[in-house]
């Protein structure tokens, strides 16, 4: 038996255009993000899902609500799916960091795990809580198709941890997750498998 999990980054947020680091900041979706969520919901309605889970943060919850409704399933909120806390960099752009935190940003770019932002969450701990959630999900859903709406950095850390990629390389190996695109993994008895990355729910329509 195997469980197919679709890890999906939430729709575009209101901080997207400025590229502000949004970790624990509970920001909302942009208009484009709501359109992306609607396309995801359309996919969910025909995807034969067996469960829908989401981070409780507003940008994820509002992305996932339509998918759960179209799939005819309850929406489960899980605190372990929250984004990484970026500490002193929370809410800042990289330009602002280059101005006020140049040494910190340089160290982060070299090793975003060993030199994560001060006062922020240890990325190793974030990877562990996602791994714990996925283990519990597998125990509760030995097979089926589950949609999980969460956050870019935390999903990338979880994928690296599952696939045996050094966590410090998560920004290099997985530089980008498209909003509301499908990242499909298979959890079975053996090593997890990655079936797709950044797969658009509507072919030919960038998310």
N, C-alpha and C. Protein backbone atom coordinates (compact mmCIF):
# COMPACT_ATOMS: atom_id res chain seq x y z
N UNK A 1 0.84 -1.20 0.00
CA UNK A 1 0.00 0.00 0.00
C UNK A 1 0.88 1.25 0.00
N UNK A 2 0.41 2.27 -0.68
CA UNK A 2 1.17 3.51 -0.71
C UNK A 2 0.21 4.70 -0.65
N UNK A 3 0.73 5.80 -0.14
CA UNK A 3 -0.03 7.03 0.01
C UNK A 3 0.56 8.09 -0.91
N UNK A 4 -0.27 8.68 -1.76
CA UNK A 4 0.16 9.76 -2.63
C UNK A 4 -0.18 11.08 -1.92
N UNK A 5 0.84 11.90 -1.73
CA UNK A 5 0.67 13.18 -1.05
C UNK A 5 1.05 14.30 -2.02
N UNK A 6 0.14 15.25 -2.18
CA UNK A 6 0.38 16.41 -3.03
C UNK A 6 0.70 17.60 -2.13
N UNK A 7 1.99 17.90 -2.02
CA UNK A 7 2.42 19.05 -1.22
C UNK A 7 2.31 20.30 -2.10
N UNK A 8 1.51 21.25 -1.69
CA UNK A 8 1.22 22.42 -2.52
C UNK A 8 1.51 23.70 -1.74
N UNK A 9 2.29 24.56 -2.36
CA UNK A 9 2.50 25.88 -1.78
C UNK A 9 1.22 26.70 -1.97
N UNK A 10 0.85 27.47 -0.97
CA UNK A 10 -0.34 28.32 -1.03
C UNK A 10 -0.32 29.26 -2.24
N UNK A 11 -1.46 29.87 -2.53
CA UNK A 11 -1.54 30.85 -3.60
C UNK A 11 -0.70 32.08 -3.31
N UNK A 12 -0.48 32.85 -4.35
CA UNK A 12 0.33 34.06 -4.21
C UNK A 12 -0.21 34.95 -3.10
N UNK A 13 0.68 35.52 -2.29
CA UNK A 13 0.26 36.37 -1.18
C UNK A 13 0.42 37.85 -1.54
N UNK A 14 -0.09 38.70 -0.67
CA UNK A 14 -0.02 40.14 -0.91
C UNK A 14 1.41 40.66 -0.79
N UNK A 15 2.33 39.87 -0.27
CA UNK A 15 3.73 40.27 -0.18
C UNK A 15 4.56 39.77 -1.36
N UNK A 16 3.93 39.10 -2.30
CA UNK A 16 4.68 38.45 -3.37
C UNK A 16 5.48 39.44 -4.22
N UNK A 17 4.84 40.52 -4.66
CA UNK A 17 5.50 41.45 -5.57
C UNK A 17 6.75 42.08 -4.95
N UNK A 18 6.73 42.29 -3.64
CA UNK A 18 7.89 42.86 -2.96
C UNK A 18 8.87 41.79 -2.51
N UNK A 19 8.46 40.52 -2.63
CA UNK A 19 9.29 39.39 -2.21
C UNK A 19 9.73 39.53 -0.75
N UNK A 20 8.77 39.83 0.10
CA UNK A 20 9.06 39.91 1.54
C UNK A 20 9.03 38.52 2.16
N UNK A 21 9.92 38.29 3.10
CA UNK A 21 9.99 37.00 3.77
C UNK A 21 8.79 36.87 4.72
N UNK A 22 7.90 35.97 4.37
CA UNK A 22 6.67 35.76 5.14
C UNK A 22 6.75 34.40 5.82
N UNK A 23 7.12 34.39 7.05
CA UNK A 23 7.16 33.15 7.81
C UNK A 23 5.93 33.05 8.69
N UNK A 24 6.02 33.64 9.89
CA UNK A 24 4.91 33.58 10.84
C UNK A 24 3.92 34.73 10.64
N UNK A 25 4.21 35.65 9.73
CA UNK A 25 3.28 36.75 9.45
C UNK A 25 2.04 36.18 8.77
N UNK A 26 0.88 36.47 9.33
CA UNK A 26 -0.36 35.85 8.84
C UNK A 26 -1.00 36.73 7.76
N UNK A 27 -0.39 36.76 6.59
CA UNK A 27 -0.84 37.62 5.50
C UNK A 27 -1.86 36.90 4.63
N UNK A 28 -2.55 37.65 3.80
CA UNK A 28 -3.65 37.11 2.99
C UNK A 28 -3.18 36.85 1.56
N UNK A 29 -4.05 36.22 0.78
CA UNK A 29 -3.80 36.00 -0.63
C UNK A 29 -4.01 37.28 -1.42
N UNK A 30 -3.27 37.41 -2.51
CA UNK A 30 -3.52 38.48 -3.47
C UNK A 30 -4.68 38.07 -4.38
N UNK A 31 -5.10 38.97 -5.24
CA UNK A 31 -6.16 38.62 -6.20
C UNK A 31 -5.69 37.47 -7.09
N UNK A 32 -4.44 37.52 -7.53
CA UNK A 32 -3.91 36.43 -8.36
C UNK A 32 -3.86 35.13 -7.56
N UNK A 33 -3.52 35.24 -6.28
CA UNK A 33 -3.49 34.06 -5.43
C UNK A 33 -4.85 33.41 -5.30
N UNK A 34 -5.91 34.22 -5.23
CA UNK A 34 -7.26 33.66 -5.16
C UNK A 34 -7.63 32.94 -6.46
N UNK A 35 -7.16 33.48 -7.58
CA UNK A 35 -7.41 32.82 -8.87
C UNK A 35 -6.65 31.50 -8.94
N UNK A 36 -5.43 31.47 -8.43
CA UNK A 36 -4.66 30.23 -8.39
C UNK A 36 -5.36 29.19 -7.51
N UNK A 37 -5.87 29.63 -6.37
CA UNK A 37 -6.59 28.72 -5.47
C UNK A 37 -7.83 28.16 -6.14
N UNK A 38 -8.50 28.97 -6.96
CA UNK A 38 -9.69 28.50 -7.67
C UNK A 38 -9.33 27.42 -8.68
N UNK A 39 -8.20 27.58 -9.38
CA UNK A 39 -7.76 26.55 -10.32
C UNK A 39 -7.38 25.26 -9.58
N UNK A 40 -6.74 25.41 -8.42
CA UNK A 40 -6.41 24.24 -7.63
C UNK A 40 -7.69 23.53 -7.18
N UNK A 41 -8.69 24.29 -6.77
CA UNK A 41 -9.97 23.70 -6.34
C UNK A 41 -10.63 22.93 -7.47
N UNK A 42 -10.55 23.46 -8.70
CA UNK A 42 -11.11 22.76 -9.85
C UNK A 42 -10.41 21.42 -10.05
N UNK A 43 -9.09 21.42 -9.91
CA UNK A 43 -8.33 20.15 -9.99
C UNK A 43 -8.76 19.20 -8.87
N UNK A 44 -8.88 19.72 -7.66
CA UNK A 44 -9.22 18.89 -6.50
C UNK A 44 -10.56 18.19 -6.68
N UNK A 45 -11.47 18.85 -7.38
CA UNK A 45 -12.80 18.27 -7.58
C UNK A 45 -12.79 17.02 -8.43
N UNK A 46 -11.74 16.82 -9.21
CA UNK A 46 -11.67 15.63 -10.06
C UNK A 46 -10.46 14.74 -9.75
N UNK A 47 -9.77 15.03 -8.64
CA UNK A 47 -8.52 14.33 -8.33
C UNK A 47 -8.70 13.10 -7.46
N UNK A 48 -9.93 12.78 -7.08
CA UNK A 48 -10.22 11.61 -6.24
C UNK A 48 -9.42 11.65 -4.93
N UNK A 49 -9.41 12.81 -4.31
CA UNK A 49 -8.70 12.97 -3.05
C UNK A 49 -9.43 12.24 -1.93
N UNK A 50 -8.66 11.82 -0.94
CA UNK A 50 -9.24 11.16 0.23
C UNK A 50 -9.13 12.02 1.49
N UNK A 51 -8.35 13.09 1.43
CA UNK A 51 -8.24 14.00 2.57
C UNK A 51 -7.58 15.30 2.10
N UNK A 52 -7.89 16.39 2.83
CA UNK A 52 -7.27 17.69 2.57
C UNK A 52 -6.79 18.26 3.90
N UNK A 53 -5.51 18.60 3.95
CA UNK A 53 -4.90 19.18 5.14
C UNK A 53 -4.29 20.52 4.78
N UNK A 54 -4.16 21.39 5.78
CA UNK A 54 -3.60 22.72 5.53
C UNK A 54 -2.92 23.28 6.77
N UNK A 55 -1.93 24.10 6.54
CA UNK A 55 -1.42 24.99 7.59
C UNK A 55 -2.57 25.89 8.02
N UNK A 56 -2.64 26.26 9.30
CA UNK A 56 -3.72 27.13 9.75
C UNK A 56 -3.53 28.59 9.34
N UNK A 57 -2.39 28.94 8.78
CA UNK A 57 -2.14 30.32 8.40
C UNK A 57 -3.08 30.72 7.27
N UNK A 58 -3.51 31.98 7.28
CA UNK A 58 -4.59 32.44 6.42
C UNK A 58 -4.32 32.17 4.93
N UNK A 59 -3.09 32.41 4.47
CA UNK A 59 -2.81 32.24 3.05
C UNK A 59 -2.94 30.79 2.61
N UNK A 60 -2.70 29.86 3.54
CA UNK A 60 -2.89 28.44 3.23
C UNK A 60 -4.34 28.02 3.39
N UNK A 61 -4.94 28.44 4.50
CA UNK A 61 -6.32 28.04 4.76
C UNK A 61 -7.25 28.50 3.65
N UNK A 62 -7.06 29.72 3.18
CA UNK A 62 -7.94 30.24 2.12
C UNK A 62 -7.64 29.57 0.78
N UNK A 63 -6.42 29.10 0.60
CA UNK A 63 -6.10 28.33 -0.60
C UNK A 63 -6.79 26.97 -0.55
N UNK A 64 -6.79 26.35 0.62
CA UNK A 64 -7.28 24.98 0.75
C UNK A 64 -8.79 24.86 0.86
N UNK A 65 -9.46 25.89 1.31
CA UNK A 65 -10.90 25.80 1.56
C UNK A 65 -11.68 25.38 0.31
N UNK A 66 -11.38 26.00 -0.82
CA UNK A 66 -12.10 25.66 -2.04
C UNK A 66 -11.82 24.25 -2.50
N UNK A 67 -10.57 23.79 -2.32
CA UNK A 67 -10.22 22.43 -2.72
C UNK A 67 -10.98 21.41 -1.89
N UNK A 68 -11.05 21.64 -0.58
CA UNK A 68 -11.81 20.72 0.28
C UNK A 68 -13.28 20.70 -0.13
N UNK A 69 -13.84 21.88 -0.40
CA UNK A 69 -15.26 21.95 -0.78
C UNK A 69 -15.51 21.22 -2.09
N UNK A 70 -14.65 21.44 -3.09
CA UNK A 70 -14.84 20.80 -4.39
C UNK A 70 -14.64 19.28 -4.30
N UNK A 71 -13.80 18.85 -3.38
CA UNK A 71 -13.56 17.42 -3.21
C UNK A 71 -14.60 16.77 -2.31
N UNK A 72 -15.46 17.57 -1.68
CA UNK A 72 -16.47 17.04 -0.77
C UNK A 72 -15.87 16.47 0.50
N UNK A 73 -14.79 17.12 0.98
CA UNK A 73 -14.07 16.61 2.15
C UNK A 73 -13.93 17.71 3.21
N UNK A 74 -13.80 17.33 4.47
CA UNK A 74 -13.53 18.35 5.50
C UNK A 74 -12.11 18.87 5.36
N UNK A 75 -11.88 20.09 5.80
CA UNK A 75 -10.54 20.65 5.79
C UNK A 75 -9.93 20.48 7.17
N UNK A 76 -8.80 19.79 7.23
CA UNK A 76 -8.09 19.57 8.49
C UNK A 76 -6.96 20.59 8.61
N UNK A 77 -6.92 21.33 9.71
CA UNK A 77 -5.85 22.30 9.96
C UNK A 77 -4.82 21.70 10.90
N UNK A 78 -3.53 21.88 10.55
CA UNK A 78 -2.46 21.24 11.31
C UNK A 78 -1.36 22.27 11.62
N UNK A 79 -1.17 22.61 12.92
CA UNK A 79 -0.16 23.61 13.29
C UNK A 79 1.26 23.24 12.86
N UNK A 80 1.57 21.95 12.76
CA UNK A 80 2.93 21.56 12.37
C UNK A 80 3.25 21.95 10.93
N UNK A 81 2.23 22.32 10.16
CA UNK A 81 2.44 22.70 8.76
C UNK A 81 2.74 24.19 8.59
N UNK A 82 2.91 24.92 9.69
CA UNK A 82 3.21 26.35 9.58
C UNK A 82 4.57 26.56 8.89
N UNK A 83 4.79 27.78 8.44
CA UNK A 83 6.04 28.13 7.78
C UNK A 83 7.15 28.32 8.82
N UNK A 84 8.38 28.29 8.35
CA UNK A 84 9.53 28.59 9.20
C UNK A 84 9.46 30.04 9.66
N UNK A 85 9.81 30.28 10.91
CA UNK A 85 9.90 31.64 11.45
C UNK A 85 11.26 32.21 11.02
N UNK A 86 11.24 33.33 10.30
CA UNK A 86 12.48 33.91 9.80
C UNK A 86 13.13 34.90 10.76
N UNK A 87 12.64 34.97 11.98
CA UNK A 87 13.31 35.77 13.01
C UNK A 87 13.45 37.23 12.63
N UNK A 88 14.68 37.77 12.73
CA UNK A 88 14.88 39.20 12.49
C UNK A 88 14.66 39.58 11.03
N UNK A 89 14.61 38.60 10.13
CA UNK A 89 14.37 38.89 8.71
C UNK A 89 12.89 38.87 8.35
N UNK A 90 12.05 38.49 9.29
CA UNK A 90 10.61 38.39 9.02
C UNK A 90 10.06 39.72 8.50
N UNK A 91 9.36 39.65 7.36
CA UNK A 91 8.74 40.83 6.79
C UNK A 91 9.66 41.71 5.97
N UNK A 92 10.93 41.34 5.84
CA UNK A 92 11.89 42.16 5.12
C UNK A 92 12.08 41.65 3.69
N UNK A 93 12.52 42.53 2.81
CA UNK A 93 12.94 42.13 1.47
C UNK A 93 14.44 41.89 1.50
N UNK A 94 14.96 41.21 0.47
CA UNK A 94 16.40 40.99 0.41
C UNK A 94 17.15 42.32 0.25
N UNK A 95 16.56 43.27 -0.46
CA UNK A 95 17.20 44.58 -0.60
C UNK A 95 17.35 45.25 0.77
N UNK A 96 16.31 45.14 1.59
CA UNK A 96 16.38 45.71 2.93
C UNK A 96 17.41 44.99 3.78
N UNK A 97 17.51 43.68 3.60
CA UNK A 97 18.52 42.93 4.36
C UNK A 97 19.94 43.29 3.92
N UNK A 98 20.13 43.48 2.61
CA UNK A 98 21.46 43.88 2.14
C UNK A 98 21.87 45.22 2.72
N UNK A 99 20.88 46.06 2.99
CA UNK A 99 21.16 47.38 3.56
C UNK A 99 21.43 47.31 5.06
N UNK A 100 20.59 46.56 5.80
CA UNK A 100 20.68 46.59 7.26
C UNK A 100 21.29 45.34 7.88
N UNK A 101 21.31 44.22 7.15
CA UNK A 101 21.84 42.96 7.70
C UNK A 101 22.76 42.28 6.68
N UNK A 102 23.76 42.99 6.15
CA UNK A 102 24.56 42.40 5.06
C UNK A 102 25.30 41.14 5.47
N UNK A 103 25.91 41.13 6.65
CA UNK A 103 26.64 39.96 7.10
C UNK A 103 25.73 38.77 7.35
N UNK A 104 24.59 39.04 7.94
CA UNK A 104 23.62 37.99 8.22
C UNK A 104 23.11 37.37 6.92
N UNK A 105 22.80 38.20 5.94
CA UNK A 105 22.30 37.71 4.66
C UNK A 105 23.37 36.90 3.93
N UNK A 106 24.62 37.36 3.96
CA UNK A 106 25.71 36.63 3.31
C UNK A 106 25.89 35.25 3.93
N UNK A 107 25.84 35.19 5.26
CA UNK A 107 25.98 33.90 5.95
C UNK A 107 24.81 32.98 5.62
N UNK A 108 23.59 33.54 5.56
CA UNK A 108 22.41 32.76 5.23
C UNK A 108 22.52 32.20 3.81
N UNK A 109 22.97 33.01 2.86
CA UNK A 109 23.09 32.55 1.49
C UNK A 109 24.13 31.43 1.36
N UNK A 110 25.16 31.47 2.21
CA UNK A 110 26.19 30.42 2.19
C UNK A 110 25.68 29.13 2.79
N UNK A 111 24.98 29.23 3.93
CA UNK A 111 24.44 28.05 4.61
C UNK A 111 23.16 28.45 5.32
N UNK A 112 22.00 28.30 4.64
CA UNK A 112 20.74 28.77 5.22
C UNK A 112 20.25 27.93 6.41
N UNK A 113 20.91 26.83 6.67
CA UNK A 113 20.55 26.01 7.84
C UNK A 113 21.47 26.31 9.01
N UNK A 114 22.78 26.17 8.79
CA UNK A 114 23.74 26.45 9.86
C UNK A 114 23.77 27.91 10.26
N UNK A 115 23.43 28.79 9.33
CA UNK A 115 23.42 30.23 9.59
C UNK A 115 22.03 30.81 9.31
N UNK A 116 21.02 30.14 9.83
CA UNK A 116 19.66 30.66 9.64
C UNK A 116 19.51 31.98 10.37
N UNK A 117 18.45 32.72 10.04
CA UNK A 117 18.30 34.07 10.57
C UNK A 117 18.18 34.06 12.09
N UNK A 118 18.93 34.93 12.78
CA UNK A 118 18.84 35.00 14.25
C UNK A 118 17.41 35.21 14.73
N UNK A 119 17.11 34.59 15.85
CA UNK A 119 15.80 34.63 16.49
C UNK A 119 14.74 33.87 15.70
N UNK A 120 15.15 33.21 14.63
CA UNK A 120 14.21 32.42 13.83
C UNK A 120 14.25 30.96 14.21
N UNK A 121 13.42 30.18 13.56
CA UNK A 121 13.35 28.74 13.82
C UNK A 121 14.51 28.02 13.15
N UNK A 122 15.05 27.03 13.83
CA UNK A 122 16.07 26.17 13.25
C UNK A 122 15.44 25.36 12.12
N UNK A 123 15.94 25.48 10.88
CA UNK A 123 15.35 24.71 9.77
C UNK A 123 15.35 23.20 10.00
N UNK A 124 16.31 22.70 10.79
CA UNK A 124 16.31 21.27 11.10
C UNK A 124 15.05 20.91 11.87
N UNK A 125 14.67 21.76 12.82
CA UNK A 125 13.46 21.51 13.60
C UNK A 125 12.22 21.58 12.71
N UNK A 126 12.23 22.51 11.75
CA UNK A 126 11.09 22.61 10.83
C UNK A 126 10.96 21.35 9.98
N UNK A 127 12.09 20.85 9.50
CA UNK A 127 12.06 19.60 8.73
C UNK A 127 11.56 18.43 9.56
N UNK A 128 11.93 18.42 10.83
CA UNK A 128 11.51 17.32 11.72
C UNK A 128 10.02 17.37 11.99
N UNK A 129 9.46 18.57 12.17
CA UNK A 129 8.01 18.62 12.45
C UNK A 129 7.20 18.24 11.20
N UNK A 130 7.69 18.59 10.02
CA UNK A 130 7.01 18.15 8.80
C UNK A 130 7.13 16.64 8.64
N UNK A 131 8.29 16.10 8.95
CA UNK A 131 8.48 14.65 8.87
C UNK A 131 7.56 13.93 9.85
N UNK A 132 7.41 14.50 11.04
CA UNK A 132 6.51 13.90 12.03
C UNK A 132 5.07 13.94 11.55
N UNK A 133 4.67 15.06 10.93
CA UNK A 133 3.32 15.14 10.38
C UNK A 133 3.11 14.09 9.30
N UNK A 134 4.06 13.98 8.37
CA UNK A 134 3.91 13.02 7.27
C UNK A 134 3.88 11.58 7.78
N UNK A 135 4.65 11.29 8.83
CA UNK A 135 4.63 9.95 9.41
C UNK A 135 3.25 9.67 10.02
N UNK A 136 2.70 10.65 10.71
CA UNK A 136 1.36 10.48 11.29
C UNK A 136 0.31 10.37 10.20
N UNK A 137 0.49 11.14 9.12
CA UNK A 137 -0.44 11.07 8.00
C UNK A 137 -0.42 9.69 7.37
N UNK A 138 0.75 9.15 7.19
CA UNK A 138 0.90 7.81 6.61
C UNK A 138 0.26 6.76 7.52
N UNK A 139 0.40 6.94 8.83
CA UNK A 139 -0.21 6.00 9.76
C UNK A 139 -1.73 6.07 9.72
N UNK A 140 -2.26 7.29 9.54
CA UNK A 140 -3.71 7.45 9.50
C UNK A 140 -4.32 7.18 8.14
N UNK A 141 -3.51 7.30 7.09
CA UNK A 141 -3.97 7.08 5.71
C UNK A 141 -2.96 6.15 5.02
N UNK A 142 -3.02 4.84 5.27
CA UNK A 142 -2.05 3.93 4.65
C UNK A 142 -2.03 4.01 3.13
N UNK A 143 -3.17 4.39 2.54
CA UNK A 143 -3.23 4.56 1.10
C UNK A 143 -4.24 5.66 0.80
N UNK A 144 -4.21 6.14 -0.43
CA UNK A 144 -5.13 7.20 -0.82
C UNK A 144 -4.38 8.34 -1.48
N UNK A 145 -5.07 9.48 -1.59
CA UNK A 145 -4.53 10.66 -2.27
C UNK A 145 -4.87 11.88 -1.40
N UNK A 146 -3.84 12.49 -0.85
CA UNK A 146 -4.03 13.55 0.13
C UNK A 146 -3.41 14.85 -0.36
N UNK A 147 -4.18 15.92 -0.30
CA UNK A 147 -3.68 17.26 -0.60
C UNK A 147 -3.25 17.93 0.69
N UNK A 148 -2.03 18.48 0.68
CA UNK A 148 -1.50 19.21 1.83
C UNK A 148 -1.06 20.59 1.35
N UNK A 149 -1.73 21.63 1.84
CA UNK A 149 -1.41 23.00 1.45
C UNK A 149 -0.55 23.63 2.55
N UNK A 150 0.64 24.05 2.17
CA UNK A 150 1.58 24.56 3.17
C UNK A 150 2.44 25.67 2.57
N UNK A 151 3.72 25.72 2.94
CA UNK A 151 4.57 26.88 2.67
C UNK A 151 5.87 26.48 1.97
N UNK A 152 6.43 27.41 1.21
CA UNK A 152 7.57 27.13 0.34
C UNK A 152 8.79 26.59 1.07
N UNK A 153 9.30 27.34 2.04
CA UNK A 153 10.55 26.92 2.69
C UNK A 153 10.36 25.60 3.43
N UNK A 154 9.29 25.49 4.18
CA UNK A 154 9.07 24.27 4.97
C UNK A 154 8.86 23.05 4.07
N UNK A 155 8.15 23.21 2.96
CA UNK A 155 7.97 22.08 2.03
C UNK A 155 9.31 21.65 1.46
N UNK A 156 10.14 22.61 1.06
CA UNK A 156 11.44 22.26 0.49
C UNK A 156 12.32 21.54 1.50
N UNK A 157 12.27 21.97 2.75
CA UNK A 157 13.02 21.27 3.79
C UNK A 157 12.51 19.84 3.97
N UNK A 158 11.19 19.69 3.94
CA UNK A 158 10.60 18.36 4.10
C UNK A 158 10.99 17.45 2.95
N UNK A 159 10.96 17.97 1.71
CA UNK A 159 11.34 17.17 0.55
C UNK A 159 12.80 16.73 0.64
N UNK A 160 13.68 17.65 1.02
CA UNK A 160 15.09 17.29 1.15
C UNK A 160 15.28 16.21 2.21
N UNK A 161 14.58 16.36 3.32
CA UNK A 161 14.71 15.37 4.40
C UNK A 161 14.21 14.00 3.94
N UNK A 162 13.10 13.97 3.22
CA UNK A 162 12.55 12.71 2.73
C UNK A 162 13.45 12.04 1.71
N UNK A 163 14.08 12.85 0.86
CA UNK A 163 14.83 12.31 -0.28
C UNK A 163 16.33 12.19 0.00
N UNK A 164 16.74 12.52 1.21
CA UNK A 164 18.14 12.36 1.56
C UNK A 164 19.06 13.44 1.04
N UNK A 165 18.51 14.60 0.70
CA UNK A 165 19.31 15.74 0.24
C UNK A 165 19.75 16.53 1.47
N UNK A 166 21.03 16.91 1.59
CA UNK A 166 21.46 17.72 2.74
C UNK A 166 20.61 18.97 2.88
N UNK A 167 20.14 19.23 4.09
CA UNK A 167 19.22 20.35 4.30
C UNK A 167 19.84 21.68 3.91
N UNK A 168 21.14 21.84 4.11
CA UNK A 168 21.76 23.12 3.78
C UNK A 168 21.68 23.44 2.29
N UNK A 169 21.36 22.42 1.48
CA UNK A 169 21.28 22.61 0.03
C UNK A 169 19.85 22.85 -0.46
N UNK A 170 18.91 23.05 0.46
CA UNK A 170 17.51 23.11 0.00
C UNK A 170 17.26 24.27 -0.95
N UNK A 171 17.93 25.40 -0.77
CA UNK A 171 17.71 26.54 -1.67
C UNK A 171 18.38 26.34 -3.02
N UNK A 172 19.42 25.52 -3.06
CA UNK A 172 20.13 25.27 -4.32
C UNK A 172 19.45 24.16 -5.11
N UNK A 173 19.11 23.06 -4.44
CA UNK A 173 18.51 21.91 -5.12
C UNK A 173 17.05 22.19 -5.49
N UNK A 174 16.34 22.89 -4.62
CA UNK A 174 14.93 23.23 -4.86
C UNK A 174 14.79 24.75 -4.76
N UNK A 175 15.24 25.47 -5.78
CA UNK A 175 15.27 26.93 -5.68
C UNK A 175 13.91 27.60 -5.66
N UNK A 176 12.88 26.90 -6.12
CA UNK A 176 11.59 27.59 -6.26
C UNK A 176 10.46 26.59 -6.27
N UNK A 177 9.37 26.92 -5.56
CA UNK A 177 8.12 26.18 -5.66
C UNK A 177 7.05 27.14 -6.17
N UNK A 178 6.42 26.79 -7.28
CA UNK A 178 5.38 27.64 -7.85
C UNK A 178 4.13 27.61 -6.98
N UNK A 179 3.47 28.74 -6.87
CA UNK A 179 2.23 28.80 -6.10
C UNK A 179 1.18 27.87 -6.70
N UNK A 180 0.56 27.07 -5.84
CA UNK A 180 -0.55 26.17 -6.21
C UNK A 180 -0.17 25.14 -7.27
N UNK A 181 1.11 24.84 -7.42
CA UNK A 181 1.54 23.75 -8.30
C UNK A 181 1.67 22.48 -7.46
N UNK A 182 1.60 21.32 -8.13
CA UNK A 182 1.62 20.03 -7.44
C UNK A 182 3.04 19.50 -7.30
N UNK A 183 3.37 19.09 -6.08
CA UNK A 183 4.62 18.40 -5.80
C UNK A 183 4.22 17.06 -5.17
N UNK A 184 4.24 16.01 -5.99
CA UNK A 184 3.65 14.73 -5.59
C UNK A 184 4.72 13.77 -5.08
N UNK A 185 4.51 13.27 -3.87
CA UNK A 185 5.39 12.25 -3.30
C UNK A 185 4.57 11.01 -3.00
N UNK A 186 5.26 9.87 -2.98
CA UNK A 186 4.63 8.60 -2.63
C UNK A 186 5.29 8.07 -1.38
N UNK A 187 4.48 7.82 -0.36
CA UNK A 187 4.96 7.26 0.89
C UNK A 187 4.50 5.82 0.98
N UNK A 188 5.45 4.92 1.00
CA UNK A 188 5.13 3.50 1.10
C UNK A 188 5.98 2.84 2.17
N UNK A 189 6.23 1.56 1.98
CA UNK A 189 7.01 0.83 2.97
C UNK A 189 8.50 1.15 2.86
N UNK A 190 8.95 1.54 1.67
CA UNK A 190 10.37 1.80 1.47
C UNK A 190 10.69 3.27 1.41
N UNK A 191 11.67 3.61 0.58
CA UNK A 191 12.10 5.00 0.43
C UNK A 191 11.03 5.83 -0.26
N UNK A 192 10.72 7.01 0.24
CA UNK A 192 9.74 7.88 -0.43
C UNK A 192 10.19 8.21 -1.85
N UNK A 193 9.22 8.43 -2.73
CA UNK A 193 9.50 8.76 -4.12
C UNK A 193 8.90 10.12 -4.45
N UNK A 194 9.61 10.89 -5.28
CA UNK A 194 9.10 12.16 -5.79
C UNK A 194 8.64 11.93 -7.22
N UNK A 195 7.33 12.08 -7.46
CA UNK A 195 6.77 11.83 -8.79
C UNK A 195 6.69 13.08 -9.64
N UNK A 196 6.47 14.24 -9.02
CA UNK A 196 6.38 15.47 -9.81
C UNK A 196 6.78 16.65 -8.94
N UNK A 197 7.28 17.69 -9.62
CA UNK A 197 7.68 18.92 -8.95
C UNK A 197 7.20 20.10 -9.79
N UNK A 198 6.51 21.03 -9.15
CA UNK A 198 6.01 22.22 -9.85
C UNK A 198 5.15 21.89 -11.06
N UNK A 199 4.29 20.89 -10.91
CA UNK A 199 3.37 20.52 -11.99
C UNK A 199 2.13 21.42 -11.93
N UNK A 200 1.88 22.17 -12.99
CA UNK A 200 0.73 23.07 -13.01
C UNK A 200 -0.57 22.28 -13.07
N UNK A 201 -1.57 22.72 -12.32
CA UNK A 201 -2.85 22.02 -12.31
C UNK A 201 -3.62 22.26 -13.59
N UNK A 202 -3.32 23.37 -14.28
CA UNK A 202 -3.93 23.65 -15.58
C UNK A 202 -2.81 23.73 -16.60
N UNK A 203 -2.62 22.70 -17.44
CA UNK A 203 -1.52 22.71 -18.40
C UNK A 203 -1.49 23.98 -19.24
N UNK A 204 -0.30 24.54 -19.34
CA UNK A 204 -0.13 25.73 -20.15
C UNK A 204 -0.46 27.03 -19.44
N UNK A 205 -0.94 26.93 -18.19
CA UNK A 205 -1.28 28.13 -17.43
C UNK A 205 -0.34 28.22 -16.22
N UNK A 206 0.69 29.10 -16.26
CA UNK A 206 1.60 29.23 -15.12
C UNK A 206 0.85 29.62 -13.85
N UNK A 207 1.27 29.03 -12.76
CA UNK A 207 0.62 29.33 -11.48
C UNK A 207 1.25 30.53 -10.80
